[in-house]
Amino acid sequence: MNIGRMGDIVVGAAGNAAGAVVDPRGGLTQLRSALTGRLLASVAVGLVIGYVVARSARRN
C-alpha cells in the first residue's frame, strides 16, 4: 500500500460510512463489492495480532 495515498483512503472510507448511514442498502452493496480476499486476510491477521498483543499486555 502506498503511504502517500493513505489520506485519500481515509477520506474515501469516511465518505462511504456517511453514505451507508444515508442509504443502508446501497452502502451494504458497496461494502460487499469492496471486500476482496486480500482485504479480508489483512483484517483477520490484524485482529489476531491485536488479540495476542492485548492478551500478553493483560497478563503482565
Protein backbone atom coordinates (compact mmCIF):
# COMPACT_ATOMS: atom_id res chain seq x y z
CA MET A 1 0.00 0.00 0.00
CA ASN A 2 1.28 3.42 -0.91
CA ILE A 3 1.60 5.54 2.25
CA GLY A 4 1.14 8.74 0.23
CA ARG A 5 -2.43 7.69 -0.63
CA MET A 6 -3.40 7.00 2.99
CA GLY A 7 -5.25 10.32 3.29
CA ASP A 8 -7.30 9.53 0.20
CA ILE A 9 -8.18 6.13 1.58
CA VAL A 10 -9.28 7.56 4.94
CA VAL A 11 -11.42 10.24 3.29
CA GLY A 12 -12.96 7.66 0.98
CA ALA A 13 -13.76 5.36 3.89
CA ALA A 14 -15.38 8.23 5.82
CA GLY A 15 -17.46 9.11 2.77
CA ASN A 16 -18.54 5.50 2.34
CA ALA A 17 -19.55 5.30 6.01
CA ALA A 18 -21.58 8.50 5.71
CA GLY A 19 -23.23 7.17 2.56
CA ALA A 20 -24.08 3.92 4.32
CA VAL A 21 -25.87 5.88 7.06
CA VAL A 22 -27.95 7.76 4.49
CA ASP A 23 -28.65 4.73 2.25
CA PRO A 24 -28.06 1.47 4.17
CA ARG A 25 -28.94 -0.81 1.25
CA GLY A 26 -26.61 0.99 -1.16
CA GLY A 27 -23.88 1.13 1.49
CA LEU A 28 -24.10 -2.60 2.10
CA THR A 29 -23.91 -3.29 -1.62
CA GLN A 30 -20.85 -1.06 -1.96
CA LEU A 31 -19.20 -2.70 1.06
CA ARG A 32 -19.81 -6.16 -0.38
CA SER A 33 -18.27 -5.18 -3.70
CA ALA A 34 -15.21 -3.62 -1.99
CA LEU A 35 -14.35 -6.72 0.02
CA THR A 36 -11.56 -8.76 -1.51
CA GLY A 37 -9.70 -11.80 -0.32
CA ARG A 38 -6.58 -9.75 0.36
CA LEU A 39 -8.53 -7.21 2.44
CA LEU A 40 -10.25 -9.92 4.46
CA ALA A 41 -6.94 -11.66 5.12
CA SER A 42 -5.36 -8.37 6.22
CA VAL A 43 -8.21 -7.66 8.62
CA ALA A 44 -8.08 -11.19 10.03
CA VAL A 45 -4.32 -11.00 10.60
CA GLY A 46 -4.71 -7.59 12.24
CA LEU A 47 -7.38 -8.91 14.59
CA VAL A 48 -5.25 -11.91 15.58
CA ILE A 49 -2.19 -9.74 16.22
CA GLY A 50 -4.26 -7.26 18.23
CA TYR A 51 -5.72 -10.09 20.31
CA VAL A 52 -2.30 -11.58 21.05
CA VAL A 53 -0.82 -8.21 22.00
CA ALA A 54 -3.77 -7.31 24.24
CA ARG A 55 -3.72 -10.71 25.90
CA SER A 56 0.01 -10.54 26.63
CA ALA A 57 -0.32 -6.99 27.96
CA ARG A 58 -3.15 -8.10 30.23
CA ARG A 59 -1.06 -10.89 31.78
CA ASN A 60 1.79 -8.55 32.75
